[in-house]
């Protein structure tokens, strides 16, 4: 039985429209700190993070508490926006895409999703991955058989627990979802 934890980063200090790589807000730091307690009775042997600052800052508390290093992995980076979309229009672009299917998206986004799916399946047992809303949606949707870009609404610091059971990956626990849709 293999277990992987995907954790959405804590609340960012700036909107995705305002800053392409914001740090955590004060609330985000408190959310990250609370994860140490969430994992107090869980084995975590490896920690991976998106290269984005907010994900690494979220991972840091658990890494320090467990005396583990953080392996930065580009496969768990935030969804790439097309180069012709300026930073201040990224959220509007993503909202327009949210109800669409992966088959309607360009090949770059499909390749991004396939890379995430392949990478999480290679991770060692008891790995915590600190990542983003859309990365979690890519994996959640894949495991649920959903073709929609957004099939899941994880709140900040939500833990999506995945398990290898009976020869296939499944969702063990979807974690906390946002009380109102993020997108």
N, C-alpha and C. Protein backbone atom coordinates (compact mmCIF):
# COMPACT_ATOMS: atom_id res chain seq x y z
N UNK A 1 0.85 -1.18 0.00
CA UNK A 1 0.00 0.00 0.00
C UNK A 1 0.89 1.24 0.00
N UNK A 2 0.79 2.06 -1.04
CA UNK A 2 1.58 3.27 -1.19
C UNK A 2 0.67 4.48 -0.98
N UNK A 3 1.18 5.50 -0.30
CA UNK A 3 0.39 6.70 -0.01
C UNK A 3 1.16 7.95 -0.42
N UNK A 4 0.47 8.85 -1.10
CA UNK A 4 1.01 10.14 -1.52
C UNK A 4 0.04 11.21 -1.03
N UNK A 5 0.58 12.31 -0.51
CA UNK A 5 -0.24 13.43 -0.05
C UNK A 5 0.03 14.63 -0.95
N UNK A 6 -1.00 15.18 -1.57
CA UNK A 6 -0.87 16.44 -2.31
C UNK A 6 -1.48 17.53 -1.44
N UNK A 7 -0.70 18.57 -1.16
CA UNK A 7 -1.13 19.63 -0.27
C UNK A 7 -1.13 20.95 -1.03
N UNK A 8 -2.27 21.63 -1.01
CA UNK A 8 -2.32 22.95 -1.63
C UNK A 8 -1.59 23.93 -0.71
N UNK A 9 -0.84 24.83 -1.31
CA UNK A 9 -0.11 25.85 -0.53
C UNK A 9 -1.06 26.69 0.32
N UNK A 10 -0.49 27.36 1.29
CA UNK A 10 -1.26 28.28 2.13
C UNK A 10 -1.65 29.53 1.35
N UNK A 11 -2.47 30.33 1.99
CA UNK A 11 -2.96 31.56 1.37
C UNK A 11 -1.79 32.46 0.97
N UNK A 12 -1.84 32.96 -0.24
CA UNK A 12 -0.78 33.84 -0.75
C UNK A 12 -1.02 35.29 -0.33
N UNK A 13 0.07 36.05 -0.25
CA UNK A 13 0.00 37.46 0.15
C UNK A 13 -0.52 38.34 -0.99
N UNK A 14 -0.52 37.82 -2.21
CA UNK A 14 -0.99 38.60 -3.36
C UNK A 14 -1.75 37.68 -4.30
N UNK A 15 -2.61 38.27 -5.08
CA UNK A 15 -3.38 37.53 -6.07
C UNK A 15 -2.48 37.04 -7.20
N UNK A 16 -2.90 35.96 -7.83
CA UNK A 16 -2.19 35.41 -8.99
C UNK A 16 -2.17 36.43 -10.13
N UNK A 17 -3.13 37.35 -10.13
CA UNK A 17 -3.17 38.44 -11.12
C UNK A 17 -2.15 39.53 -10.82
N UNK A 18 -1.78 39.68 -9.55
CA UNK A 18 -0.89 40.76 -9.13
C UNK A 18 0.58 40.38 -9.12
N UNK A 19 0.86 39.13 -8.80
CA UNK A 19 2.24 38.71 -8.63
C UNK A 19 2.36 37.27 -9.12
N UNK A 20 3.26 36.99 -10.05
CA UNK A 20 3.38 35.62 -10.56
C UNK A 20 3.94 34.62 -9.54
N UNK A 21 4.58 35.11 -8.48
CA UNK A 21 5.15 34.19 -7.49
C UNK A 21 5.14 34.82 -6.10
N UNK A 22 3.93 35.01 -5.54
CA UNK A 22 3.86 35.68 -4.23
C UNK A 22 4.28 34.77 -3.09
N UNK A 23 4.67 35.40 -1.98
CA UNK A 23 4.95 34.65 -0.77
C UNK A 23 3.64 34.41 -0.02
N UNK A 24 3.70 33.72 1.08
CA UNK A 24 2.51 33.47 1.89
C UNK A 24 2.09 34.74 2.64
N UNK A 25 0.79 34.86 2.88
CA UNK A 25 0.28 35.91 3.75
C UNK A 25 0.52 35.47 5.19
N UNK A 26 0.23 36.35 6.15
CA UNK A 26 0.34 35.95 7.56
C UNK A 26 -0.58 34.76 7.84
N UNK A 27 -1.79 34.79 7.28
CA UNK A 27 -2.71 33.67 7.44
C UNK A 27 -2.17 32.40 6.80
N UNK A 28 -1.50 32.55 5.66
CA UNK A 28 -0.91 31.40 4.98
C UNK A 28 0.19 30.75 5.82
N UNK A 29 0.98 31.58 6.52
CA UNK A 29 2.00 31.02 7.42
C UNK A 29 1.36 30.24 8.56
N UNK A 30 0.24 30.75 9.08
CA UNK A 30 -0.47 30.04 10.15
C UNK A 30 -1.05 28.72 9.63
N UNK A 31 -1.58 28.74 8.40
CA UNK A 31 -2.09 27.50 7.80
C UNK A 31 -0.97 26.48 7.65
N UNK A 32 0.19 26.93 7.19
CA UNK A 32 1.34 26.03 7.02
C UNK A 32 1.77 25.44 8.36
N UNK A 33 1.77 26.27 9.38
CA UNK A 33 2.14 25.81 10.72
C UNK A 33 1.18 24.74 11.20
N UNK A 34 -0.12 24.89 10.90
CA UNK A 34 -1.11 23.91 11.36
C UNK A 34 -0.93 22.54 10.71
N UNK A 35 -0.27 22.47 9.58
CA UNK A 35 -0.05 21.18 8.91
C UNK A 35 0.83 20.24 9.73
N UNK A 36 1.69 20.79 10.56
CA UNK A 36 2.52 19.94 11.42
C UNK A 36 1.62 19.08 12.29
N UNK A 37 0.56 19.67 12.84
CA UNK A 37 -0.39 18.91 13.65
C UNK A 37 -1.22 17.95 12.82
N UNK A 38 -1.60 18.36 11.63
CA UNK A 38 -2.39 17.50 10.74
C UNK A 38 -1.63 16.20 10.45
N UNK A 39 -0.31 16.30 10.30
CA UNK A 39 0.51 15.14 9.99
C UNK A 39 1.16 14.51 11.23
N UNK A 40 0.71 14.88 12.42
CA UNK A 40 1.37 14.40 13.65
C UNK A 40 1.35 12.88 13.80
N UNK A 41 0.35 12.22 13.28
CA UNK A 41 0.27 10.76 13.42
C UNK A 41 0.44 10.05 12.08
N UNK A 42 0.96 10.77 11.11
CA UNK A 42 1.12 10.23 9.75
C UNK A 42 2.60 10.13 9.40
N UNK A 43 2.98 9.06 8.77
CA UNK A 43 4.35 8.92 8.31
C UNK A 43 4.56 9.73 7.04
N UNK A 44 5.52 10.63 7.09
CA UNK A 44 5.96 11.38 5.91
C UNK A 44 7.47 11.18 5.83
N UNK A 45 7.92 10.54 4.77
CA UNK A 45 9.34 10.23 4.62
C UNK A 45 10.05 11.12 3.60
N UNK A 46 9.26 11.76 2.73
CA UNK A 46 9.82 12.60 1.66
C UNK A 46 8.93 13.82 1.48
N UNK A 47 9.55 14.95 1.19
CA UNK A 47 8.80 16.17 0.92
C UNK A 47 9.26 16.75 -0.41
N UNK A 48 8.28 16.99 -1.28
CA UNK A 48 8.52 17.62 -2.57
C UNK A 48 7.72 18.91 -2.61
N UNK A 49 8.19 19.86 -3.41
CA UNK A 49 7.48 21.12 -3.55
C UNK A 49 7.58 21.63 -4.97
N UNK A 50 6.55 22.34 -5.35
CA UNK A 50 6.59 23.16 -6.55
C UNK A 50 7.73 24.16 -6.37
N UNK A 51 8.31 24.66 -7.45
CA UNK A 51 9.35 25.68 -7.30
C UNK A 51 8.79 27.05 -6.89
N UNK A 52 7.48 27.20 -6.88
CA UNK A 52 6.88 28.48 -6.54
C UNK A 52 7.06 28.76 -5.04
N UNK A 53 7.31 30.02 -4.72
CA UNK A 53 7.65 30.45 -3.36
C UNK A 53 6.59 30.04 -2.34
N UNK A 54 5.32 30.27 -2.63
CA UNK A 54 4.27 29.97 -1.65
C UNK A 54 4.20 28.48 -1.32
N UNK A 55 4.48 27.63 -2.29
CA UNK A 55 4.48 26.18 -2.03
C UNK A 55 5.68 25.80 -1.16
N UNK A 56 6.85 26.35 -1.47
CA UNK A 56 8.04 26.03 -0.68
C UNK A 56 7.92 26.54 0.75
N UNK A 57 7.34 27.73 0.91
CA UNK A 57 7.16 28.27 2.26
C UNK A 57 6.17 27.42 3.06
N UNK A 58 5.15 26.89 2.40
CA UNK A 58 4.19 26.02 3.07
C UNK A 58 4.86 24.72 3.50
N UNK A 59 5.71 24.18 2.65
CA UNK A 59 6.40 22.91 2.93
C UNK A 59 7.42 23.05 4.07
N UNK A 60 7.96 24.22 4.25
CA UNK A 60 9.08 24.41 5.18
C UNK A 60 8.77 23.99 6.61
N UNK A 61 7.58 24.32 7.12
CA UNK A 61 7.24 23.97 8.52
C UNK A 61 7.27 22.46 8.76
N UNK A 62 6.63 21.71 7.84
CA UNK A 62 6.61 20.26 8.00
C UNK A 62 8.01 19.68 7.83
N UNK A 63 8.76 20.21 6.89
CA UNK A 63 10.13 19.73 6.66
C UNK A 63 10.99 19.94 7.92
N UNK A 64 10.88 21.10 8.54
CA UNK A 64 11.65 21.36 9.76
C UNK A 64 11.21 20.44 10.89
N UNK A 65 9.90 20.25 11.04
CA UNK A 65 9.39 19.40 12.12
C UNK A 65 9.82 17.94 11.95
N UNK A 66 10.01 17.50 10.71
CA UNK A 66 10.36 16.10 10.43
C UNK A 66 11.85 15.91 10.10
N UNK A 67 12.60 16.99 10.14
CA UNK A 67 14.04 16.94 9.81
C UNK A 67 14.25 16.37 8.41
N UNK A 68 13.42 16.82 7.47
CA UNK A 68 13.51 16.38 6.09
C UNK A 68 13.87 17.55 5.19
N UNK A 69 14.55 17.25 4.10
CA UNK A 69 14.83 18.29 3.12
C UNK A 69 13.66 18.36 2.14
N UNK A 70 13.57 19.48 1.45
CA UNK A 70 12.52 19.69 0.45
C UNK A 70 13.14 19.51 -0.92
N UNK A 71 12.60 18.59 -1.69
CA UNK A 71 13.03 18.40 -3.08
C UNK A 71 12.11 19.22 -3.97
N UNK A 72 12.67 20.20 -4.65
CA UNK A 72 11.87 21.04 -5.55
C UNK A 72 11.72 20.30 -6.87
N UNK A 73 10.48 20.19 -7.33
CA UNK A 73 10.18 19.44 -8.54
C UNK A 73 9.28 20.27 -9.45
N UNK A 74 9.79 20.61 -10.61
CA UNK A 74 9.07 21.46 -11.56
C UNK A 74 7.78 20.83 -12.07
N UNK A 75 7.63 19.52 -11.97
CA UNK A 75 6.39 18.87 -12.42
C UNK A 75 5.18 19.34 -11.62
N UNK A 76 5.39 19.86 -10.41
CA UNK A 76 4.28 20.26 -9.56
C UNK A 76 4.07 21.78 -9.54
N UNK A 77 4.60 22.46 -10.56
CA UNK A 77 4.48 23.91 -10.73
C UNK A 77 3.04 24.27 -11.09
N UNK A 78 2.67 25.51 -10.80
CA UNK A 78 1.35 26.04 -11.14
C UNK A 78 1.07 25.90 -12.64
N UNK A 79 -0.20 25.87 -12.99
CA UNK A 79 -0.61 25.74 -14.38
C UNK A 79 0.02 26.85 -15.23
N UNK A 80 0.60 26.51 -16.37
CA UNK A 80 1.21 27.53 -17.22
C UNK A 80 0.14 28.29 -18.02
N UNK A 81 0.26 29.58 -18.04
CA UNK A 81 -0.66 30.38 -18.85
C UNK A 81 -0.02 30.63 -20.21
N UNK A 82 -0.85 30.78 -21.23
CA UNK A 82 -0.28 31.08 -22.55
C UNK A 82 0.57 32.36 -22.50
N UNK A 83 1.61 32.40 -23.30
CA UNK A 83 2.54 33.54 -23.27
C UNK A 83 1.87 34.86 -23.64
N UNK A 84 0.78 34.81 -24.37
CA UNK A 84 0.11 36.06 -24.77
C UNK A 84 -0.85 36.58 -23.71
N UNK A 85 -0.95 35.90 -22.56
CA UNK A 85 -1.82 36.35 -21.46
C UNK A 85 -0.97 37.11 -20.45
N UNK A 86 -1.21 38.42 -20.29
CA UNK A 86 -0.44 39.16 -19.29
C UNK A 86 -0.81 38.73 -17.87
N UNK A 87 0.11 38.94 -16.94
CA UNK A 87 -0.08 38.53 -15.55
C UNK A 87 -1.43 39.00 -15.00
N UNK A 88 -1.79 40.23 -15.25
CA UNK A 88 -3.03 40.78 -14.68
C UNK A 88 -4.31 40.18 -15.26
N UNK A 89 -4.19 39.32 -16.27
CA UNK A 89 -5.38 38.68 -16.87
C UNK A 89 -5.38 37.17 -16.69
N UNK A 90 -4.47 36.66 -15.85
CA UNK A 90 -4.36 35.20 -15.68
C UNK A 90 -5.59 34.59 -15.01
N UNK A 91 -6.12 35.22 -13.97
CA UNK A 91 -7.29 34.67 -13.29
C UNK A 91 -8.49 34.64 -14.23
N UNK A 92 -8.69 35.71 -14.99
CA UNK A 92 -9.80 35.73 -15.95
C UNK A 92 -9.64 34.62 -16.99
N UNK A 93 -8.41 34.38 -17.46
CA UNK A 93 -8.16 33.29 -18.41
C UNK A 93 -8.52 31.95 -17.78
N UNK A 94 -8.08 31.73 -16.54
CA UNK A 94 -8.34 30.45 -15.88
C UNK A 94 -9.83 30.25 -15.63
N UNK A 95 -10.53 31.31 -15.25
CA UNK A 95 -11.98 31.20 -15.04
C UNK A 95 -12.69 30.82 -16.34
N UNK A 96 -12.23 31.37 -17.46
CA UNK A 96 -12.82 31.00 -18.75
C UNK A 96 -12.57 29.54 -19.09
N UNK A 97 -11.44 29.02 -18.66
CA UNK A 97 -11.07 27.63 -18.94
C UNK A 97 -11.71 26.63 -17.98
N UNK A 98 -12.11 27.08 -16.80
CA UNK A 98 -12.52 26.18 -15.72
C UNK A 98 -13.61 25.19 -16.09
N UNK A 99 -14.56 25.59 -16.89
CA UNK A 99 -15.66 24.70 -17.27
C UNK A 99 -15.36 23.89 -18.52
N UNK A 100 -14.19 24.05 -19.07
CA UNK A 100 -13.85 23.34 -20.29
C UNK A 100 -13.23 21.98 -19.96
N UNK A 101 -13.13 21.16 -20.99
CA UNK A 101 -12.52 19.85 -20.80
C UNK A 101 -11.05 19.91 -21.22
N UNK A 102 -10.29 18.94 -20.74
CA UNK A 102 -8.87 18.87 -21.10
C UNK A 102 -8.71 18.70 -22.62
N UNK A 103 -9.65 18.03 -23.26
CA UNK A 103 -9.57 17.81 -24.70
C UNK A 103 -9.70 19.12 -25.49
N UNK A 104 -10.31 20.12 -24.89
CA UNK A 104 -10.47 21.42 -25.54
C UNK A 104 -9.24 22.31 -25.39
N UNK A 105 -8.31 21.92 -24.55
CA UNK A 105 -7.14 22.76 -24.26
C UNK A 105 -6.02 22.49 -25.25
N UNK A 106 -5.08 23.42 -25.31
CA UNK A 106 -3.96 23.25 -26.24
C UNK A 106 -3.02 22.15 -25.77
N UNK A 107 -2.14 21.74 -26.64
CA UNK A 107 -1.24 20.62 -26.36
C UNK A 107 -0.29 20.91 -25.20
N UNK A 108 0.06 22.18 -24.98
CA UNK A 108 0.97 22.51 -23.87
C UNK A 108 0.31 22.19 -22.52
N UNK A 109 -0.97 22.51 -22.38
CA UNK A 109 -1.66 22.21 -21.12
C UNK A 109 -1.88 20.71 -20.95
N UNK A 110 -2.19 20.03 -22.02
CA UNK A 110 -2.35 18.58 -21.93
C UNK A 110 -1.03 17.92 -21.54
N UNK A 111 0.08 18.41 -22.08
CA UNK A 111 1.39 17.86 -21.73
C UNK A 111 1.73 18.15 -20.27
N UNK A 112 1.36 19.35 -19.80
CA UNK A 112 1.58 19.72 -18.39
C UNK A 112 0.84 18.73 -17.49
N UNK A 113 -0.42 18.45 -17.81
CA UNK A 113 -1.23 17.52 -17.02
C UNK A 113 -0.64 16.10 -17.05
N UNK A 114 -0.26 15.64 -18.21
CA UNK A 114 0.31 14.29 -18.33
C UNK A 114 1.61 14.16 -17.53
N UNK A 115 2.40 15.23 -17.51
CA UNK A 115 3.65 15.21 -16.74
C UNK A 115 3.37 15.08 -15.24
N UNK A 116 2.36 15.79 -14.76
CA UNK A 116 1.99 15.71 -13.35
C UNK A 116 1.55 14.29 -13.00
N UNK A 117 0.67 13.74 -13.83
CA UNK A 117 0.13 12.41 -13.57
C UNK A 117 1.24 11.36 -13.56
N UNK A 118 2.13 11.45 -14.53
CA UNK A 118 3.24 10.49 -14.58
C UNK A 118 4.16 10.66 -13.37
N UNK A 119 4.44 11.91 -13.00
CA UNK A 119 5.39 12.17 -11.91
C UNK A 119 4.86 11.72 -10.56
N UNK A 120 3.59 12.01 -10.25
CA UNK A 120 3.10 11.62 -8.92
C UNK A 120 3.12 10.10 -8.77
N UNK A 121 2.94 9.37 -9.85
CA UNK A 121 2.93 7.90 -9.77
C UNK A 121 4.33 7.33 -9.53
N UNK A 122 5.37 8.11 -9.79
CA UNK A 122 6.75 7.67 -9.58
C UNK A 122 7.26 7.94 -8.17
N UNK A 123 6.55 8.76 -7.42
CA UNK A 123 7.04 9.18 -6.10
C UNK A 123 7.12 8.01 -5.13
N UNK A 124 8.08 8.09 -4.19
CA UNK A 124 8.16 7.04 -3.17
C UNK A 124 7.00 7.12 -2.18
N UNK A 125 6.76 6.03 -1.49
CA UNK A 125 5.71 5.94 -0.48
C UNK A 125 5.90 7.02 0.59
N UNK A 126 4.80 7.46 1.14
CA UNK A 126 4.78 8.44 2.23
C UNK A 126 5.42 9.77 1.83
N UNK A 127 5.07 10.24 0.64
CA UNK A 127 5.59 11.51 0.14
C UNK A 127 4.52 12.58 0.26
N UNK A 128 4.91 13.75 0.76
CA UNK A 128 4.06 14.93 0.81
C UNK A 128 4.53 15.88 -0.30
N UNK A 129 3.59 16.30 -1.14
CA UNK A 129 3.90 17.21 -2.25
C UNK A 129 3.14 18.50 -2.03
N UNK A 130 3.86 19.61 -1.94
CA UNK A 130 3.25 20.92 -1.74
C UNK A 130 3.12 21.59 -3.10
N UNK A 131 1.87 21.88 -3.46
CA UNK A 131 1.60 22.26 -4.84
C UNK A 131 0.44 23.25 -4.92
N UNK A 132 -0.31 23.21 -6.01
CA UNK A 132 -1.29 24.24 -6.34
C UNK A 132 -2.67 23.67 -6.67
N UNK A 133 -3.64 24.55 -6.65
CA UNK A 133 -5.04 24.24 -6.94
C UNK A 133 -5.20 23.44 -8.23
N UNK A 134 -4.62 23.91 -9.32
CA UNK A 134 -4.82 23.25 -10.61
C UNK A 134 -4.03 21.94 -10.72
N UNK A 135 -2.91 21.82 -10.05
CA UNK A 135 -2.18 20.55 -10.03
C UNK A 135 -3.05 19.50 -9.34
N UNK A 136 -3.63 19.89 -8.21
CA UNK A 136 -4.50 18.95 -7.49
C UNK A 136 -5.71 18.59 -8.33
N UNK A 137 -6.24 19.55 -9.09
CA UNK A 137 -7.36 19.26 -9.98
C UNK A 137 -6.97 18.31 -11.09
N UNK A 138 -5.77 18.45 -11.62
CA UNK A 138 -5.32 17.55 -12.68
C UNK A 138 -5.30 16.10 -12.18
N UNK A 139 -4.77 15.88 -10.99
CA UNK A 139 -4.69 14.53 -10.44
C UNK A 139 -6.07 14.04 -10.00
N UNK A 140 -6.81 14.86 -9.29
CA UNK A 140 -8.14 14.48 -8.82
C UNK A 140 -9.03 14.10 -10.00
N UNK A 141 -9.07 14.96 -11.01
CA UNK A 141 -9.89 14.69 -12.19
C UNK A 141 -9.49 13.41 -12.89
N UNK A 142 -8.19 13.19 -13.01
CA UNK A 142 -7.68 11.97 -13.64
C UNK A 142 -8.18 10.73 -12.89
N UNK A 143 -8.05 10.75 -11.57
CA UNK A 143 -8.45 9.59 -10.77
C UNK A 143 -9.97 9.40 -10.72
N UNK A 144 -10.72 10.48 -10.87
CA UNK A 144 -12.18 10.39 -10.87
C UNK A 144 -12.74 10.13 -12.27
N UNK A 145 -11.87 10.19 -13.28
CA UNK A 145 -12.35 10.00 -14.64
C UNK A 145 -13.05 11.23 -15.20
N UNK A 146 -12.81 12.39 -14.61
CA UNK A 146 -13.41 13.64 -15.07
C UNK A 146 -12.56 14.26 -16.17
N UNK A 147 -13.19 14.81 -17.17
CA UNK A 147 -12.46 15.48 -18.24
C UNK A 147 -12.39 16.99 -18.02
N UNK A 148 -13.07 17.50 -17.00
CA UNK A 148 -13.10 18.94 -16.73
C UNK A 148 -11.78 19.42 -16.12
N UNK A 149 -11.40 20.64 -16.47
CA UNK A 149 -10.20 21.22 -15.88
C UNK A 149 -10.36 21.36 -14.36
N UNK A 150 -11.51 21.86 -13.93
CA UNK A 150 -11.76 22.04 -12.50
C UNK A 150 -12.88 21.07 -12.08
N UNK A 151 -12.49 20.06 -11.32
CA UNK A 151 -13.42 19.04 -10.86
C UNK A 151 -13.44 18.99 -9.33
N UNK A 152 -12.73 19.93 -8.68
CA UNK A 152 -12.44 19.82 -7.25
C UNK A 152 -12.07 21.20 -6.75
N UNK A 153 -12.46 21.54 -5.53
CA UNK A 153 -12.22 22.88 -4.98
C UNK A 153 -11.43 22.82 -3.66
N UNK A 154 -10.16 22.40 -3.69
CA UNK A 154 -9.41 22.30 -2.43
C UNK A 154 -9.14 23.67 -1.81
N UNK A 155 -9.36 23.77 -0.52
CA UNK A 155 -9.05 25.02 0.18
C UNK A 155 -7.54 25.09 0.44
N UNK A 156 -7.08 26.23 0.92
CA UNK A 156 -5.66 26.38 1.22
C UNK A 156 -5.24 25.37 2.28
N UNK A 157 -4.10 24.75 2.06
CA UNK A 157 -3.52 23.72 2.93
C UNK A 157 -4.38 22.47 3.05
N UNK A 158 -5.28 22.27 2.10
CA UNK A 158 -6.05 21.03 2.04
C UNK A 158 -5.11 19.89 1.64
N UNK A 159 -5.35 18.71 2.19
CA UNK A 159 -4.52 17.53 1.91
C UNK A 159 -5.35 16.51 1.13
N UNK A 160 -4.94 16.24 -0.09
CA UNK A 160 -5.54 15.22 -0.94
C UNK A 160 -4.70 13.96 -0.76
N UNK A 161 -5.29 12.93 -0.15
CA UNK A 161 -4.55 11.70 0.13
C UNK A 161 -4.85 10.68 -0.96
N UNK A 162 -3.78 10.20 -1.61
CA UNK A 162 -3.88 9.23 -2.69
C UNK A 162 -3.27 7.92 -2.24
N UNK A 163 -3.87 6.83 -2.65
CA UNK A 163 -3.34 5.53 -2.26
C UNK A 163 -3.31 4.55 -3.41
N UNK A 164 -2.29 3.72 -3.43
CA UNK A 164 -2.19 2.62 -4.39
C UNK A 164 -2.87 1.43 -3.72
N UNK A 165 -4.04 1.07 -4.20
CA UNK A 165 -4.84 0.01 -3.59
C UNK A 165 -5.33 -0.94 -4.68
N UNK A 166 -5.19 -2.22 -4.45
CA UNK A 166 -5.69 -3.23 -5.39
C UNK A 166 -5.22 -2.99 -6.83
N UNK A 167 -3.96 -2.59 -6.95
CA UNK A 167 -3.38 -2.42 -8.28
C UNK A 167 -3.75 -1.17 -9.03
N UNK A 168 -4.30 -0.16 -8.31
CA UNK A 168 -4.63 1.10 -8.98
C UNK A 168 -4.60 2.25 -7.98
N UNK A 169 -4.45 3.46 -8.49
CA UNK A 169 -4.48 4.65 -7.65
C UNK A 169 -5.91 5.02 -7.34
N UNK A 170 -6.14 5.48 -6.12
CA UNK A 170 -7.48 5.94 -5.74
C UNK A 170 -7.35 7.11 -4.77
N UNK A 171 -8.45 7.80 -4.59
CA UNK A 171 -8.51 8.90 -3.63
C UNK A 171 -8.93 8.31 -2.29
N UNK A 172 -8.06 8.44 -1.30
CA UNK A 172 -8.33 7.94 0.04
C UNK A 172 -9.11 8.99 0.82
N UNK A 173 -8.70 10.26 0.67
CA UNK A 173 -9.37 11.37 1.35
C UNK A 173 -9.19 12.61 0.48
N UNK A 174 -10.30 13.28 0.14
CA UNK A 174 -10.23 14.47 -0.71
C UNK A 174 -9.80 15.72 0.06
N UNK A 175 -9.77 15.66 1.36
CA UNK A 175 -9.36 16.83 2.14
C UNK A 175 -10.45 17.89 2.21
N UNK A 176 -10.10 19.03 2.76
CA UNK A 176 -11.06 20.14 2.89
C UNK A 176 -11.25 20.81 1.55
N UNK A 177 -12.50 21.09 1.24
CA UNK A 177 -12.78 21.85 0.04
C UNK A 177 -13.24 23.24 0.44
N UNK A 178 -13.03 24.19 -0.47
CA UNK A 178 -13.40 25.58 -0.20
C UNK A 178 -14.92 25.67 -0.04
N UNK A 179 -15.39 26.48 0.94
CA UNK A 179 -16.84 26.59 1.16
C UNK A 179 -17.57 27.20 -0.04
N UNK A 180 -16.88 28.03 -0.81
CA UNK A 180 -17.44 28.56 -2.06
C UNK A 180 -16.43 28.31 -3.16
N UNK A 181 -16.88 28.12 -4.37
CA UNK A 181 -15.95 27.80 -5.46
C UNK A 181 -14.82 28.84 -5.59
N UNK A 182 -13.61 28.34 -5.76
CA UNK A 182 -12.46 29.21 -5.97
C UNK A 182 -12.52 29.80 -7.38
N UNK A 183 -12.91 28.99 -8.33
CA UNK A 183 -13.06 29.45 -9.72
C UNK A 183 -14.49 29.32 -10.16
